[in-house]
Protein backbone atom coordinates (compact mmCIF):
# COMPACT_ATOMS: atom_id res chain seq x y z
CA MET A 1 -0.03 0.02 0.04
CA SER A 2 1.05 3.63 -0.63
CA ASP A 3 1.30 6.38 1.98
CA GLU A 4 -1.72 8.07 0.57
CA ILE A 5 -4.67 8.31 2.96
CA LEU A 6 -7.58 6.41 1.41
CA TYR A 7 -10.21 7.09 3.97
CA ASP A 8 -10.10 10.71 4.88
CA ARG A 9 -12.70 12.59 6.93
CA GLN A 10 -14.96 13.42 3.90
CA VAL A 11 -14.99 9.74 2.82
CA ILE A 12 -15.51 8.53 6.39
CA ASP A 13 -18.43 10.85 6.86
CA PHE A 14 -20.10 9.85 3.57
CA LEU A 15 -19.76 6.11 4.12
CA GLU A 16 -21.00 6.39 7.74
CA GLU A 17 -24.10 8.24 6.57
CA LEU A 18 -24.74 5.59 3.89
CA TRP A 19 -23.92 2.48 5.99
CA GLY A 20 -24.47 3.54 9.52
CA GLU A 21 -22.52 5.52 12.15
CA GLY A 22 -19.05 4.06 12.52
CA PHE A 23 -19.46 1.61 9.67
CA LEU A 24 -17.24 1.81 6.60
CA SER A 25 -18.75 -1.23 4.84
CA PRO A 26 -22.30 -2.25 4.15
CA GLY A 27 -24.80 -4.29 6.26
CA GLY A 28 -24.30 -2.80 9.66
CA ALA A 29 -24.61 -4.87 12.81
CA GLY A 30 -26.77 -7.50 11.12
CA GLU A 31 -24.06 -8.33 8.57
CA VAL A 32 -21.43 -8.54 11.37
CA ALA A 33 -23.62 -10.99 13.23
CA ARG A 34 -23.98 -13.09 10.10
CA VAL A 35 -20.21 -13.25 9.60
CA LEU A 36 -19.80 -14.34 13.15
CA GLU A 37 -22.76 -16.74 13.27
CA GLY A 38 -21.90 -19.65 15.48
CA VAL A 39 -18.71 -18.16 16.85
CA ASP A 40 -18.50 -17.93 20.60
CA LEU A 41 -17.33 -14.36 21.62
CA LYS A 42 -18.35 -14.36 25.29
CA GLY A 43 -15.36 -13.23 27.35
CA LYS A 44 -12.98 -13.90 24.48
CA HIS A 45 -10.12 -11.77 23.12
CA ILE A 46 -10.98 -10.60 19.58
CA LEU A 47 -8.73 -9.06 16.93
CA ASP A 48 -10.61 -6.70 14.60
CA ILE A 49 -8.42 -6.29 11.40
CA GLY A 50 -9.17 -3.08 9.66
CA CYS A 51 -11.31 -1.61 12.41
CA GLY A 52 -12.06 1.54 10.53
CA SER A 53 -13.91 4.14 12.60
CA GLY A 54 -14.74 1.72 15.29
CA ALA A 55 -18.38 0.87 15.21
CA ILE A 56 -17.59 -2.92 14.97
CA THR A 57 -14.98 -2.82 17.71
CA VAL A 58 -17.51 -1.15 20.00
CA LEU A 59 -20.24 -3.61 18.93
CA LEU A 60 -18.01 -6.59 19.65
CA ALA A 61 -16.90 -5.27 23.04
CA GLY A 62 -20.41 -4.11 24.03
CA GLU A 63 -23.47 -5.80 22.77
CA MET A 64 -21.71 -9.01 21.55
CA GLY A 65 -19.97 -9.66 24.82
CA ALA A 66 -16.34 -10.05 23.91
CA GLY A 67 -14.00 -9.91 26.89
CA LYS A 68 -11.48 -7.67 25.03
CA VAL A 69 -11.22 -6.30 21.51
CA THR A 70 -8.11 -5.09 19.83
CA GLY A 71 -8.84 -3.06 16.74
CA ILE A 72 -6.08 -2.36 14.27
CA ASP A 73 -5.93 -0.17 11.13
CA VAL A 74 -3.17 1.46 9.08
CA GLU A 75 -4.65 4.97 8.63
CA ALA A 76 -4.43 7.60 11.37
CA PRO A 77 -7.89 9.29 10.63
CA VAL A 78 -9.90 6.15 11.19
CA CYS A 79 -7.97 5.11 14.16
CA GLU A 80 -8.55 8.45 15.83
CA ALA A 81 -12.29 8.15 15.01
CA ALA A 82 -12.38 4.73 16.41
CA ARG A 83 -10.54 5.72 19.69
CA GLN A 84 -13.15 8.55 20.10
CA ARG A 85 -15.99 6.03 19.53
CA VAL A 86 -14.49 3.71 22.09
CA ARG A 87 -14.24 6.65 24.60
CA ASP A 88 -17.83 7.85 23.88
CA ALA A 89 -19.04 4.24 24.61
CA GLY A 90 -17.21 4.06 27.89
CA LEU A 91 -15.40 0.84 26.76
CA GLU A 92 -11.75 1.92 27.26
CA ALA A 93 -11.24 -1.08 29.65
CA LYS A 94 -12.44 -3.58 27.06
CA ALA A 95 -11.37 -2.11 23.71
CA GLU A 96 -8.12 -0.75 22.32
CA ILE A 97 -7.24 0.74 18.91
CA ILE A 98 -3.83 0.36 17.49
CA GLU A 99 -2.43 2.03 14.45
CA VAL A 100 -0.20 -0.46 12.64
CA SER A 101 1.93 -0.62 9.59
CA PRO A 102 1.23 -3.03 6.63
CA GLY A 103 2.88 -6.39 7.10
CA PRO A 104 3.30 -8.77 10.00
CA MET A 105 1.05 -7.97 12.94
CA PRO A 106 2.71 -6.66 16.20
CA PHE A 107 1.41 -9.44 18.34
CA ASP A 108 2.83 -12.64 19.85
CA GLY A 109 1.68 -16.02 18.56
CA GLU A 110 -1.51 -17.55 20.10
CA THR A 111 -2.73 -14.16 21.44
CA PHE A 112 -6.39 -14.10 20.25
CA ASP A 113 -9.36 -16.48 20.45
CA VAL A 114 -11.02 -15.00 17.39
CA VAL A 115 -9.66 -12.95 14.47
CA PHE A 116 -12.35 -10.89 12.69
CA SER A 117 -12.30 -8.64 9.68
CA LYS A 118 -15.13 -6.82 7.85
CA ASP A 119 -14.29 -5.89 4.26
CA SER A 120 -10.81 -4.59 4.86
CA ILE A 121 -8.40 -7.41 3.89
CA ILE A 122 -9.15 -6.42 0.26
CA HIS A 123 -6.23 -4.04 0.73
CA ILE A 124 -3.79 -6.80 1.54
CA PRO A 125 -2.26 -8.19 -1.67
CA ASP A 126 -0.69 -11.50 -0.37
CA LYS A 127 -3.65 -13.66 0.88
CA ALA A 128 -1.29 -16.53 1.69
CA ALA A 129 0.81 -14.36 3.96
CA LEU A 130 -2.42 -12.96 5.55
CA ALA A 131 -3.73 -16.48 6.22
CA ALA A 132 -0.46 -17.57 7.74
CA GLU A 133 -0.32 -14.44 9.95
CA VAL A 134 -3.89 -14.83 11.15
CA LEU A 135 -3.21 -18.53 12.05
CA ARG A 136 -0.03 -17.52 13.92
CA VAL A 137 -1.81 -15.07 16.24
CA LEU A 138 -4.81 -17.31 16.97
CA LYS A 139 -4.88 -19.62 19.93
CA PRO A 140 -5.32 -23.37 19.16
CA GLY A 141 -8.94 -23.96 18.33
CA GLY A 142 -9.43 -20.25 17.58
CA ALA A 143 -11.65 -18.99 14.70
CA PHE A 144 -11.11 -16.68 11.83
CA ALA A 145 -14.29 -15.01 10.59
CA ALA A 146 -14.26 -12.33 7.93
CA SER A 147 -16.02 -10.80 4.99
CA ASP A 148 -14.20 -9.35 1.92
CA TRP A 149 -14.71 -8.26 -1.61
CA LEU A 150 -13.78 -10.99 -4.05
CA THR A 151 -13.77 -11.65 -7.74
CA ASN A 152 -15.01 -15.02 -9.08
CA HIS A 153 -11.80 -15.78 -11.00
CA ASP A 154 -8.12 -15.02 -10.92
CA ASP A 155 -7.62 -14.28 -14.59
CA ASP A 156 -7.41 -10.66 -16.00
CA MET A 157 -10.35 -8.57 -14.96
CA SER A 158 -13.02 -7.86 -17.49
CA PRO A 159 -13.04 -4.26 -18.86
CA GLU A 160 -16.08 -3.52 -16.70
CA MET A 161 -14.40 -4.82 -13.56
CA ALA A 162 -11.12 -2.97 -14.34
CA HIS A 163 -13.21 0.17 -14.78
CA TYR A 164 -14.97 -0.32 -11.48
CA VAL A 165 -11.73 -0.90 -9.55
CA LYS A 166 -10.18 2.16 -11.17
CA MET A 167 -13.18 4.26 -10.19
CA GLU A 168 -12.98 3.04 -6.55
CA ASP A 169 -9.26 4.19 -6.39
CA LEU A 170 -8.90 2.33 -3.04
CA GLU A 171 -5.93 0.04 -3.92
CA PHE A 172 -8.16 -3.08 -4.12
CA GLN A 173 -6.19 -6.28 -4.14
CA MET A 174 -8.98 -8.75 -5.04
CA ALA A 175 -8.75 -12.53 -5.16
CA SER A 176 -11.07 -15.41 -5.92
CA PRO A 177 -12.85 -17.80 -3.50
CA THR A 178 -10.41 -20.55 -4.94
CA LYS A 179 -7.37 -18.50 -4.02
CA TYR A 180 -8.67 -17.70 -0.54
CA ARG A 181 -9.51 -21.34 0.21
CA LEU A 182 -6.09 -22.50 -0.98
CA ALA A 183 -4.31 -19.84 1.10
CA MET A 184 -6.20 -20.78 4.28
CA GLU A 185 -5.86 -24.58 3.81
CA GLU A 186 -2.17 -24.30 2.95
CA ALA A 187 -1.69 -22.18 6.08
CA GLY A 188 -3.21 -24.96 8.12
CA PHE A 189 -6.84 -23.92 8.80
CA GLU A 190 -9.55 -26.47 9.19
CA ALA A 191 -13.22 -26.24 8.38
CA VAL A 192 -12.72 -23.58 5.73
CA GLU A 193 -15.95 -22.18 4.45
CA LEU A 194 -16.75 -19.49 1.92
CA VAL A 195 -20.27 -18.06 1.48
CA ASN A 196 -21.10 -15.98 -1.59
CA ARG A 197 -22.89 -12.79 -0.65
CA ASN A 198 -23.21 -11.38 -4.19
CA PRO A 199 -27.01 -11.84 -4.33
CA TRP A 200 -27.39 -9.79 -1.10
CA TYR A 201 -25.11 -6.92 -2.11
CA THR A 202 -26.37 -6.81 -5.70
CA GLU A 203 -29.74 -5.82 -4.29
CA VAL A 204 -28.35 -3.54 -1.64
CA SER A 205 -26.02 -1.72 -3.90
CA ALA A 206 -28.83 -0.99 -6.44
CA ALA A 207 -30.84 0.46 -3.50
CA GLU A 208 -27.82 2.58 -2.46
CA LEU A 209 -27.45 3.92 -6.06
CA ALA A 210 -31.16 4.74 -6.08
CA GLU A 211 -30.80 6.67 -2.86
CA LEU A 212 -27.92 8.75 -4.22
CA THR A 213 -29.63 9.55 -7.53
CA GLY A 214 -33.23 9.83 -6.41
CA PRO A 215 -35.21 12.64 -4.63
CA SER A 216 -32.60 12.64 -1.73
CA ARG A 217 -29.70 13.59 -4.08
CA ALA A 218 -29.87 17.32 -3.20
CA ARG A 219 -29.73 16.51 0.48
CA TRP A 220 -26.52 14.30 -0.14
CA GLU A 221 -25.04 17.11 -2.24
CA ALA A 222 -25.70 19.71 0.48
CA ARG A 223 -23.94 17.70 3.07
CA HIS A 224 -20.99 16.28 1.00
CA GLY A 225 -20.60 18.45 -2.09
CA ALA A 226 -22.08 18.00 -5.60
CA ASP A 227 -18.78 16.94 -7.15
CA PHE A 228 -18.14 14.35 -4.39
CA ILE A 229 -21.58 12.88 -4.70
CA GLN A 230 -21.34 12.76 -8.50
CA HIS A 231 -18.10 10.70 -8.18
CA GLN A 232 -19.76 8.34 -5.74
CA ILE A 233 -22.73 7.86 -8.09
CA GLU A 234 -20.14 7.08 -10.90
CA ILE A 235 -18.52 4.47 -8.69
CA TRP A 236 -21.85 2.83 -7.71
CA ASP A 237 -23.00 2.88 -11.35
CA ALA A 238 -19.73 1.15 -12.46
CA MET A 239 -20.35 -1.52 -9.74
CA GLN A 240 -23.77 -2.54 -10.97
CA PRO A 241 -22.76 -4.61 -14.06
CA VAL A 242 -19.98 -6.45 -12.29
CA LEU A 243 -22.23 -7.38 -9.42
CA LYS A 244 -25.01 -8.52 -11.83
CA SER A 245 -22.51 -10.64 -13.79
CA GLY A 246 -21.20 -12.22 -10.56
CA GLU A 247 -17.52 -11.21 -11.31
CA HIS A 248 -17.67 -9.02 -8.18
CA CYS A 249 -18.71 -11.40 -5.34
CA PRO A 250 -18.48 -10.41 -1.72
CA HIS A 251 -17.96 -13.44 0.44
CA HIS A 252 -17.96 -14.49 4.14
CA ILE A 253 -14.74 -16.48 4.91
CA ARG A 254 -14.31 -18.68 7.84
CA GLY A 255 -11.86 -21.20 9.17
CA ARG A 256 -10.60 -22.76 12.43
CA LYS A 257 -7.10 -23.22 13.82
CA PRO A 258 -6.54 -26.80 14.78
CA GLY A 259 -6.89 -27.32 18.47
């Protein structure tokens, strides 16, 4: 990744208004719960990779009953927003936010009971290294539960997909379900499971585009600027054909470290 800030205050404010306060990816608390379905969090130490502006860290430490949550991210603006959110929730004793550098995580092996990530590991190019690092920091028997933006193949992107990724301009490093499964199994994970969420986000994304282009557009422009909203509309418009074709296919990804 470059040193350029990808999620500045303007982007954070827009995404939080679209997806919910503190959320920088779609689906809110409901989608977090679906990613973690069947995973025991009570009293456990959770690592939240790519914690963004902190809503999920607070959700895990508060309503979802984790014993301790360590949220990490690589960008200062989102880390500061997350720290403020933790303070506002009165959860400083249960949640910490650490700004990290890309690469190996600054934790000892077998530190966490659960490693979680919500739509952020798309920025990590080496999925094999990621899987190995997650396995390293998990305790035996620990769970990895994440969602991420995937493509349905590892060949060259279609022109439509290349256009969408260029429009996003967020340094996406997308991989296929096949590549993810191989990376996790070769790292040593058991019970690897991938669930395609394309049908869900195809519908949600179309509704988001309708929100930005419909009667509420003037309200969005007043709050975020007409040029900014026009660019977001162009991004969402570019997303529609690759979601409908299935080439862009968000997934839930899960696995367990052998106990």
